PDB file of N, CA and C in Angstrom:
ATOM      1  N   UNK A   1       1.353 -73.036  51.921  1.00  0.00           N
ATOM      2  CA  UNK A   1       1.921 -73.665  50.731  1.00  0.00           C
ATOM      3  C   UNK A   1       3.371 -73.226  50.561  1.00  0.00           C
ATOM      4  N   UNK A   2       4.250 -74.159  50.359  1.00  0.00           N
ATOM      5  CA  UNK A   2       5.658 -73.864  50.143  1.00  0.00           C
ATOM      6  C   UNK A   2       5.940 -73.843  48.650  1.00  0.00           C
ATOM      7  N   UNK A   3       6.626 -72.792  48.214  1.00  0.00           N
ATOM      8  CA  UNK A   3       6.994 -72.695  46.802  1.00  0.00           C
ATOM      9  C   UNK A   3       8.364 -73.340  46.592  1.00  0.00           C
ATOM     10  N   UNK A   4       8.646 -73.797  45.366  1.00  0.00           N
ATOM     11  CA  UNK A   4       9.924 -74.455  45.097  1.00  0.00           C
ATOM     12  C   UNK A   4      11.144 -73.543  45.303  1.00  0.00           C
ATOM     13  N   UNK A   5      10.976 -72.251  45.194  1.00  0.00           N
ATOM     14  CA  UNK A   5      12.082 -71.311  45.372  1.00  0.00           C
ATOM     15  C   UNK A   5      11.599 -70.129  46.195  1.00  0.00           C
ATOM     16  N   UNK A   6      12.417 -69.686  47.097  1.00  0.00           N
ATOM     17  CA  UNK A   6      12.137 -68.476  47.869  1.00  0.00           C
ATOM     18  C   UNK A   6      13.345 -67.555  47.805  1.00  0.00           C
ATOM     19  N   UNK A   7      13.113 -66.276  47.687  1.00  0.00           N
ATOM     20  CA  UNK A   7      14.190 -65.300  47.708  1.00  0.00           C
ATOM     21  C   UNK A   7      14.742 -65.199  49.123  1.00  0.00           C
ATOM     22  N   UNK A   8      16.053 -65.041  49.217  1.00  0.00           N
ATOM     23  CA  UNK A   8      16.715 -64.910  50.509  1.00  0.00           C
ATOM     24  C   UNK A   8      16.986 -63.434  50.772  1.00  0.00           C
ATOM     25  N   UNK A   9      16.212 -62.798  51.653  1.00  0.00           N
ATOM     26  CA  UNK A   9      16.383 -61.367  51.901  1.00  0.00           C
ATOM     27  C   UNK A   9      17.701 -61.018  52.587  1.00  0.00           C
ATOM     28  N   UNK A  10      18.443 -62.016  53.058  1.00  0.00           N
ATOM     29  CA  UNK A  10      19.730 -61.720  53.695  1.00  0.00           C
ATOM     30  C   UNK A  10      20.887 -61.734  52.699  1.00  0.00           C
ATOM     31  N   UNK A  11      20.636 -62.165  51.454  1.00  0.00           N
ATOM     32  CA  UNK A  11      21.698 -62.176  50.437  1.00  0.00           C
ATOM     33  C   UNK A  11      22.115 -60.740  50.124  1.00  0.00           C
ATOM     34  N   UNK A  12      23.395 -60.577  49.804  1.00  0.00           N
ATOM     35  CA  UNK A  12      23.904 -59.237  49.496  1.00  0.00           C
ATOM     36  C   UNK A  12      24.377 -59.168  48.053  1.00  0.00           C
ATOM     37  N   UNK A  13      24.397 -57.967  47.520  1.00  0.00           N
ATOM     38  CA  UNK A  13      24.851 -57.753  46.151  1.00  0.00           C
ATOM     39  C   UNK A  13      26.351 -58.017  46.090  1.00  0.00           C
ATOM     40  N   UNK A  14      26.741 -58.980  45.257  1.00  0.00           N
ATOM     41  CA  UNK A  14      28.140 -59.390  45.179  1.00  0.00           C
ATOM     42  C   UNK A  14      28.867 -58.761  43.998  1.00  0.00           C
ATOM     43  N   UNK A  15      28.203 -58.732  42.821  1.00  0.00           N
ATOM     44  CA  UNK A  15      28.868 -58.126  41.657  1.00  0.00           C
ATOM     45  C   UNK A  15      27.849 -57.707  40.616  1.00  0.00           C
ATOM     46  N   UNK A  16      28.153 -56.610  39.971  1.00  0.00           N
ATOM     47  CA  UNK A  16      27.303 -56.121  38.884  1.00  0.00           C
ATOM     48  C   UNK A  16      27.506 -57.027  37.675  1.00  0.00           C
ATOM     49  N   UNK A  17      26.430 -57.320  36.986  1.00  0.00           N
ATOM     50  CA  UNK A  17      26.501 -58.039  35.720  1.00  0.00           C
ATOM     51  C   UNK A  17      26.374 -57.011  34.608  1.00  0.00           C
ATOM     52  N   UNK A  18      27.414 -56.841  33.850  1.00  0.00           N
ATOM     53  CA  UNK A  18      27.406 -55.864  32.771  1.00  0.00           C
ATOM     54  C   UNK A  18      28.019 -54.552  33.184  1.00  0.00           C
ATOM     55  N   UNK A  19      27.571 -53.495  32.517  1.00  0.00           N
ATOM     56  CA  UNK A  19      28.110 -52.158  32.741  1.00  0.00           C
ATOM     57  C   UNK A  19      27.216 -51.369  33.676  1.00  0.00           C
ATOM     58  N   UNK A  20      27.777 -50.335  34.264  1.00  0.00           N
ATOM     59  CA  UNK A  20      27.000 -49.494  35.173  1.00  0.00           C
ATOM     60  C   UNK A  20      25.987 -48.668  34.384  1.00  0.00           C
ATOM     61  N   UNK A  21      24.929 -48.217  35.053  1.00  0.00           N
ATOM     62  CA  UNK A  21      23.947 -47.361  34.393  1.00  0.00           C
ATOM     63  C   UNK A  21      24.586 -46.080  33.818  1.00  0.00           C
ATOM     64  N   UNK A  22      25.603 -45.578  34.476  1.00  0.00           N
ATOM     65  CA  UNK A  22      26.299 -44.380  33.969  1.00  0.00           C
ATOM     66  C   UNK A  22      26.991 -44.705  32.649  1.00  0.00           C
ATOM     67  N   UNK A  23      27.704 -45.854  32.600  1.00  0.00           N
ATOM     68  CA  UNK A  23      28.394 -46.260  31.370  1.00  0.00           C
ATOM     69  C   UNK A  23      27.423 -46.449  30.205  1.00  0.00           C
ATOM     70  N   UNK A  24      26.223 -46.923  30.506  1.00  0.00           N
ATOM     71  CA  UNK A  24      25.231 -47.192  29.460  1.00  0.00           C
ATOM     72  C   UNK A  24      24.381 -45.973  29.114  1.00  0.00           C
ATOM     73  N   UNK A  25      24.509 -44.906  29.885  1.00  0.00           N
ATOM     74  CA  UNK A  25      23.707 -43.709  29.633  1.00  0.00           C
ATOM     75  C   UNK A  25      22.259 -43.855  30.034  1.00  0.00           C
ATOM     76  N   UNK A  26      21.980 -44.743  31.006  1.00  0.00           N
ATOM     77  CA  UNK A  26      20.602 -45.014  31.426  1.00  0.00           C
ATOM     78  C   UNK A  26      20.201 -44.311  32.707  1.00  0.00           C
ATOM     79  N   UNK A  27      20.958 -43.349  33.154  1.00  0.00           N
ATOM     80  CA  UNK A  27      20.616 -42.674  34.403  1.00  0.00           C
ATOM     81  C   UNK A  27      20.994 -41.207  34.336  1.00  0.00           C
ATOM     82  N   UNK A  28      20.224 -40.418  35.058  1.00  0.00           N
ATOM     83  CA  UNK A  28      20.594 -39.016  35.241  1.00  0.00           C
ATOM     84  C   UNK A  28      21.256 -38.841  36.607  1.00  0.00           C
ATOM     85  N   UNK A  29      21.555 -39.981  37.265  1.00  0.00           N
ATOM     86  CA  UNK A  29      22.206 -40.038  38.578  1.00  0.00           C
ATOM     87  C   UNK A  29      21.335 -39.470  39.692  1.00  0.00           C
ATOM     88  N   UNK A  30      20.038 -39.248  39.404  1.00  0.00           N
ATOM     89  CA  UNK A  30      19.129 -38.694  40.400  1.00  0.00           C
ATOM     90  C   UNK A  30      17.891 -39.568  40.551  1.00  0.00           C
ATOM     91  N   UNK A  31      17.278 -39.968  39.442  1.00  0.00           N
ATOM     92  CA  UNK A  31      15.946 -40.572  39.499  1.00  0.00           C
ATOM     93  C   UNK A  31      15.916 -42.087  39.379  1.00  0.00           C
ATOM     94  N   UNK A  32      17.040 -42.747  39.344  1.00  0.00           N
ATOM     95  CA  UNK A  32      17.023 -44.205  39.265  1.00  0.00           C
ATOM     96  C   UNK A  32      18.111 -44.738  38.362  1.00  0.00           C
ATOM     97  N   UNK A  33      18.404 -45.998  38.546  1.00  0.00           N
ATOM     98  CA  UNK A  33      19.493 -46.619  37.803  1.00  0.00           C
ATOM     99  C   UNK A  33      19.157 -48.071  37.495  1.00  0.00           C
ATOM    100  N   UNK A  34      18.616 -48.381  36.308  1.00  0.00           N
ATOM    101  CA  UNK A  34      18.345 -49.777  35.985  1.00  0.00           C
ATOM    102  C   UNK A  34      19.650 -50.566  36.026  1.00  0.00           C
ATOM    103  N   UNK A  35      19.604 -51.765  36.632  1.00  0.00           N
ATOM    104  CA  UNK A  35      20.840 -52.499  36.869  1.00  0.00           C
ATOM    105  C   UNK A  35      20.542 -53.978  37.083  1.00  0.00           C
ATOM    106  N   UNK A  36      21.565 -54.831  36.929  1.00  0.00           N
ATOM    107  CA  UNK A  36      21.464 -56.267  37.171  1.00  0.00           C
ATOM    108  C   UNK A  36      22.646 -56.673  38.041  1.00  0.00           C
ATOM    109  N   UNK A  37      22.351 -57.392  39.135  1.00  0.00           N
ATOM    110  CA  UNK A  37      23.385 -57.795  40.091  1.00  0.00           C
ATOM    111  C   UNK A  37      23.280 -59.274  40.420  1.00  0.00           C
ATOM    112  N   UNK A  38      24.426 -59.915  40.593  1.00  0.00           N
ATOM    113  CA  UNK A  38      24.462 -61.261  41.139  1.00  0.00           C
ATOM    114  C   UNK A  38      24.596 -61.133  42.648  1.00  0.00           C
ATOM    115  N   UNK A  39      23.776 -61.892  43.368  1.00  0.00           N
ATOM    116  CA  UNK A  39      23.839 -61.889  44.821  1.00  0.00           C
ATOM    117  C   UNK A  39      24.859 -62.916  45.296  1.00  0.00           C
ATOM    118  N   UNK A  40      25.260 -62.815  46.545  1.00  0.00           N
ATOM    119  CA  UNK A  40      26.284 -63.723  47.060  1.00  0.00           C
ATOM    120  C   UNK A  40      25.834 -65.184  47.117  1.00  0.00           C
ATOM    121  N   UNK A  41      24.535 -65.431  46.959  1.00  0.00           N
ATOM    122  CA  UNK A  41      24.043 -66.815  46.928  1.00  0.00           C
ATOM    123  C   UNK A  41      23.805 -67.311  45.500  1.00  0.00           C
ATOM    124  N   UNK A  42      24.177 -66.483  44.503  1.00  0.00           N
ATOM    125  CA  UNK A  42      24.027 -66.872  43.101  1.00  0.00           C
ATOM    126  C   UNK A  42      22.742 -66.398  42.458  1.00  0.00           C
ATOM    127  N   UNK A  43      21.766 -65.943  43.232  1.00  0.00           N
ATOM    128  CA  UNK A  43      20.535 -65.402  42.663  1.00  0.00           C
ATOM    129  C   UNK A  43      20.834 -64.067  41.981  1.00  0.00           C
ATOM    130  N   UNK A  44      19.883 -63.573  41.203  1.00  0.00           N
ATOM    131  CA  UNK A  44      20.054 -62.334  40.447  1.00  0.00           C
ATOM    132  C   UNK A  44      19.044 -61.302  40.934  1.00  0.00           C
ATOM    133  N   UNK A  45      19.514 -60.080  41.140  1.00  0.00           N
ATOM    134  CA  UNK A  45      18.640 -58.954  41.506  1.00  0.00           C
ATOM    135  C   UNK A  45      18.572 -58.002  40.315  1.00  0.00           C
ATOM    136  N   UNK A  46      17.359 -57.567  39.993  1.00  0.00           N
ATOM    137  CA  UNK A  46      17.143 -56.659  38.868  1.00  0.00           C
ATOM    138  C   UNK A  46      16.520 -55.374  39.388  1.00  0.00           C
ATOM    139  N   UNK A  47      17.093 -54.260  38.993  1.00  0.00           N
ATOM    140  CA  UNK A  47      16.529 -52.951  39.329  1.00  0.00           C
ATOM    141  C   UNK A  47      15.976 -52.375  38.034  1.00  0.00           C
ATOM    142  N   UNK A  48      14.674 -52.116  38.029  1.00  0.00           N
ATOM    143  CA  UNK A  48      14.027 -51.592  36.834  1.00  0.00           C
ATOM    144  C   UNK A  48      12.712 -50.943  37.206  1.00  0.00           C
ATOM    145  N   UNK A  49      11.932 -50.604  36.208  1.00  0.00           N
ATOM    146  CA  UNK A  49      10.642 -49.972  36.447  1.00  0.00           C
ATOM    147  C   UNK A  49       9.574 -51.019  36.715  1.00  0.00           C
ATOM    148  N   UNK A  50       8.812 -50.822  37.764  1.00  0.00           N
ATOM    149  CA  UNK A  50       7.723 -51.729  38.121  1.00  0.00           C
ATOM    150  C   UNK A  50       6.533 -51.443  37.212  1.00  0.00           C
ATOM    151  N   UNK A  51       6.285 -52.357  36.280  1.00  0.00           N
ATOM    152  CA  UNK A  51       5.150 -52.217  35.365  1.00  0.00           C
ATOM    153  C   UNK A  51       4.145 -53.355  35.552  1.00  0.00           C
ATOM    154  N   UNK A  52       4.117 -53.904  36.759  1.00  0.00           N
ATOM    155  CA  UNK A  52       3.229 -55.020  37.053  1.00  0.00           C
ATOM    156  C   UNK A  52       1.788 -54.708  36.681  1.00  0.00           C
ATOM    157  N   UNK A  53       1.276 -53.582  37.131  1.00  0.00           N
ATOM    158  CA  UNK A  53      -0.136 -53.270  36.877  1.00  0.00           C
ATOM    159  C   UNK A  53      -0.413 -53.044  35.390  1.00  0.00           C
ATOM    160  N   UNK A  54       0.567 -52.595  34.638  1.00  0.00           N
ATOM    161  CA  UNK A  54       0.386 -52.390  33.198  1.00  0.00           C
ATOM    162  C   UNK A  54       0.321 -53.700  32.431  1.00  0.00           C
ATOM    163  N   UNK A  55       1.116 -54.677  32.851  1.00  0.00           N
ATOM    164  CA  UNK A  55       1.197 -55.944  32.132  1.00  0.00           C
ATOM    165  C   UNK A  55       0.246 -57.014  32.644  1.00  0.00           C
ATOM    166  N   UNK A  56      -0.145 -56.944  33.914  1.00  0.00           N
ATOM    167  CA  UNK A  56      -0.934 -58.013  34.530  1.00  0.00           C
ATOM    168  C   UNK A  56      -2.191 -58.386  33.734  1.00  0.00           C
ATOM    169  N   UNK A  57      -2.953 -57.425  33.221  1.00  0.00           N
ATOM    170  CA  UNK A  57      -4.176 -57.801  32.499  1.00  0.00           C
ATOM    171  C   UNK A  57      -3.915 -58.491  31.160  1.00  0.00           C
ATOM    172  N   UNK A  58      -2.694 -58.432  30.662  1.00  0.00           N
ATOM    173  CA  UNK A  58      -2.421 -58.987  29.335  1.00  0.00           C
ATOM    174  C   UNK A  58      -1.259 -59.977  29.321  1.00  0.00           C
ATOM    175  N   UNK A  59      -1.076 -60.680  30.432  1.00  0.00           N
ATOM    176  CA  UNK A  59      -0.024 -61.691  30.504  1.00  0.00           C
ATOM    177  C   UNK A  59      -0.364 -62.883  29.612  1.00  0.00           C
ATOM    178  N   UNK A  60       0.642 -63.500  28.994  1.00  0.00           N
ATOM    179  CA  UNK A  60       0.384 -64.698  28.198  1.00  0.00           C
ATOM    180  C   UNK A  60      -0.125 -65.842  29.074  1.00  0.00           C
ATOM    181  N   UNK A  61      -0.786 -66.810  28.468  1.00  0.00           N
ATOM    182  CA  UNK A  61      -1.268 -67.985  29.194  1.00  0.00           C
ATOM    183  C   UNK A  61      -0.114 -68.637  29.941  1.00  0.00           C
ATOM    184  N   UNK A  62      -0.376 -69.028  31.173  1.00  0.00           N
ATOM    185  CA  UNK A  62       0.620 -69.717  31.979  1.00  0.00           C
ATOM    186  C   UNK A  62       1.557 -68.807  32.743  1.00  0.00           C
ATOM    187  N   UNK A  63       1.481 -67.499  32.528  1.00  0.00           N
ATOM    188  CA  UNK A  63       2.340 -66.547  33.243  1.00  0.00           C
ATOM    189  C   UNK A  63       1.544 -65.970  34.404  1.00  0.00           C
ATOM    190  N   UNK A  64       2.091 -66.077  35.587  1.00  0.00           N
ATOM    191  CA  UNK A  64       1.428 -65.582  36.795  1.00  0.00           C
ATOM    192  C   UNK A  64       2.387 -64.692  37.567  1.00  0.00           C
ATOM    193  N   UNK A  65       1.855 -63.681  38.227  1.00  0.00           N
ATOM    194  CA  UNK A  65       2.636 -62.814  39.102  1.00  0.00           C
ATOM    195  C   UNK A  65       2.029 -62.926  40.491  1.00  0.00           C
ATOM    196  N   UNK A  66       2.797 -63.482  41.420  1.00  0.00           N
ATOM    197  CA  UNK A  66       2.314 -63.641  42.799  1.00  0.00           C
ATOM    198  C   UNK A  66       2.212 -62.270  43.461  1.00  0.00           C
ATOM    199  N   UNK A  67       1.484 -62.208  44.539  1.00  0.00           N
ATOM    200  CA  UNK A  67       1.289 -60.953  45.262  1.00  0.00           C
ATOM    201  C   UNK A  67       2.579 -60.325  45.753  1.00  0.00           C
ATOM    202  N   UNK A  68       3.604 -61.160  45.983  1.00  0.00           N
ATOM    203  CA  UNK A  68       4.883 -60.627  46.448  1.00  0.00           C
ATOM    204  C   UNK A  68       5.915 -60.523  45.318  1.00  0.00           C
ATOM    205  N   UNK A  69       5.456 -60.582  44.066  1.00  0.00           N
ATOM    206  CA  UNK A  69       6.329 -60.446  42.901  1.00  0.00           C
ATOM    207  C   UNK A  69       5.957 -59.196  42.097  1.00  0.00           C
ATOM    208  N   UNK A  70       6.898 -58.734  41.307  1.00  0.00           N
ATOM    209  CA  UNK A  70       6.673 -57.593  40.426  1.00  0.00           C
ATOM    210  C   UNK A  70       7.256 -57.892  39.057  1.00  0.00           C
ATOM    211  N   UNK A  71       6.596 -57.429  38.021  1.00  0.00           N
ATOM    212  CA  UNK A  71       7.142 -57.484  36.676  1.00  0.00           C
ATOM    213  C   UNK A  71       7.959 -56.210  36.494  1.00  0.00           C
ATOM    214  N   UNK A  72       9.248 -56.385  36.256  1.00  0.00           N
ATOM    215  CA  UNK A  72      10.163 -55.246  36.161  1.00  0.00           C
ATOM    216  C   UNK A  72      10.692 -55.151  34.739  1.00  0.00           C
ATOM    217  N   UNK A  73      10.684 -53.955  34.186  1.00  0.00           N
ATOM    218  CA  UNK A  73      11.202 -53.711  32.850  1.00  0.00           C
ATOM    219  C   UNK A  73      12.491 -52.911  32.966  1.00  0.00           C
ATOM    220  N   UNK A  74      13.492 -53.316  32.178  1.00  0.00           N
ATOM    221  CA  UNK A  74      14.737 -52.576  32.135  1.00  0.00           C
ATOM    222  C   UNK A  74      15.141 -52.378  30.687  1.00  0.00           C
ATOM    223  N   UNK A  75      15.982 -51.397  30.409  1.00  0.00           N
ATOM    224  CA  UNK A  75      16.399 -51.144  29.035  1.00  0.00           C
ATOM    225  C   UNK A  75      17.123 -52.359  28.447  1.00  0.00           C
ATOM    226  N   UNK A  76      16.914 -52.607  27.182  1.00  0.00           N
ATOM    227  CA  UNK A  76      17.533 -53.748  26.505  1.00  0.00           C
ATOM    228  C   UNK A  76      19.047 -53.724  26.659  1.00  0.00           C
ATOM    229  N   UNK A  77      19.648 -52.529  26.588  1.00  0.00           N
ATOM    230  CA  UNK A  77      21.103 -52.466  26.640  1.00  0.00           C
ATOM    231  C   UNK A  77      21.666 -52.944  27.974  1.00  0.00           C
ATOM    232  N   UNK A  78      20.863 -52.926  29.036  1.00  0.00           N
ATOM    233  CA  UNK A  78      21.318 -53.427  30.336  1.00  0.00           C
ATOM    234  C   UNK A  78      21.533 -54.939  30.266  1.00  0.00           C
ATOM    235  N   UNK A  79      20.571 -55.663  29.717  1.00  0.00           N
ATOM    236  CA  UNK A  79      20.703 -57.117  29.641  1.00  0.00           C
ATOM    237  C   UNK A  79      21.753 -57.526  28.611  1.00  0.00           C
ATOM    238  N   UNK A  80      21.819 -56.815  27.497  1.00  0.00           N
ATOM    239  CA  UNK A  80      22.845 -57.103  26.487  1.00  0.00           C
ATOM    240  C   UNK A  80      24.238 -56.929  27.097  1.00  0.00           C
ATOM    241  N   UNK A  81      24.432 -55.862  27.875  1.00  0.00           N
ATOM    242  CA  UNK A  81      25.726 -55.636  28.512  1.00  0.00           C
ATOM    243  C   UNK A  81      26.030 -56.687  29.580  1.00  0.00           C
ATOM    244  N   UNK A  82      24.989 -57.236  30.219  1.00  0.00           N
ATOM    245  CA  UNK A  82      25.186 -58.254  31.256  1.00  0.00           C
ATOM    246  C   UNK A  82      25.451 -59.634  30.692  1.00  0.00           C
ATOM    247  N   UNK A  83      25.055 -59.876  29.467  1.00  0.00           N
ATOM    248  CA  UNK A  83      25.139 -61.218  28.878  1.00  0.00           C
ATOM    249  C   UNK A  83      26.508 -61.868  29.034  1.00  0.00           C
ATOM    250  N   UNK A  84      27.627 -61.192  28.770  1.00  0.00           N
ATOM    251  CA  UNK A  84      28.931 -61.851  28.927  1.00  0.00           C
ATOM    252  C   UNK A  84      29.227 -62.305  30.358  1.00  0.00           C
ATOM    253  N   UNK A  85      28.595 -61.688  31.353  1.00  0.00           N
ATOM    254  CA  UNK A  85      28.827 -62.031  32.751  1.00  0.00           C
ATOM    255  C   UNK A  85      27.900 -63.122  33.267  1.00  0.00           C
ATOM    256  N   UNK A  86      26.919 -63.543  32.460  1.00  0.00           N
ATOM    257  CA  UNK A  86      25.958 -64.547  32.885  1.00  0.00           C
ATOM    258  C   UNK A  86      26.438 -65.923  32.416  1.00  0.00           C
ATOM    259  N   UNK A  87      26.663 -66.857  33.346  1.00  0.00           N
ATOM    260  CA  UNK A  87      27.148 -68.180  32.948  1.00  0.00           C
ATOM    261  C   UNK A  87      26.120 -68.939  32.119  1.00  0.00           C
ATOM    262  N   UNK A  88      26.599 -69.849  31.287  1.00  0.00           N
ATOM    263  CA  UNK A  88      25.709 -70.669  30.470  1.00  0.00           C
ATOM    264  C   UNK A  88      24.967 -71.714  31.292  1.00  0.00           C
ATOM    265  N   UNK A  89      25.536 -72.106  32.404  1.00  0.00           N
ATOM    266  CA  UNK A  89      24.867 -73.113  33.239  1.00  0.00           C
ATOM    267  C   UNK A  89      25.089 -72.807  34.706  1.00  0.00           C
TER     268      UNK A  89
END
């Protein structure tokens, strides 16, 4: 079965959307850095905590997580800081 969209594993990180984890105070520079990046093909990469197993049993109707997908949670301030860099269309 072919899905309407597939991630391109050859795409590279082109630019950070928003502020760095250091600027936002979301990292100890050792254990991880929640972040949002635009890839060179226009797709978005999100670095956050994998909470798939925590959320999977209580997903809203119509929400599915494929075997090769993960539900990732990141601090609110990361997305708020990225908002000005995300185009409207």
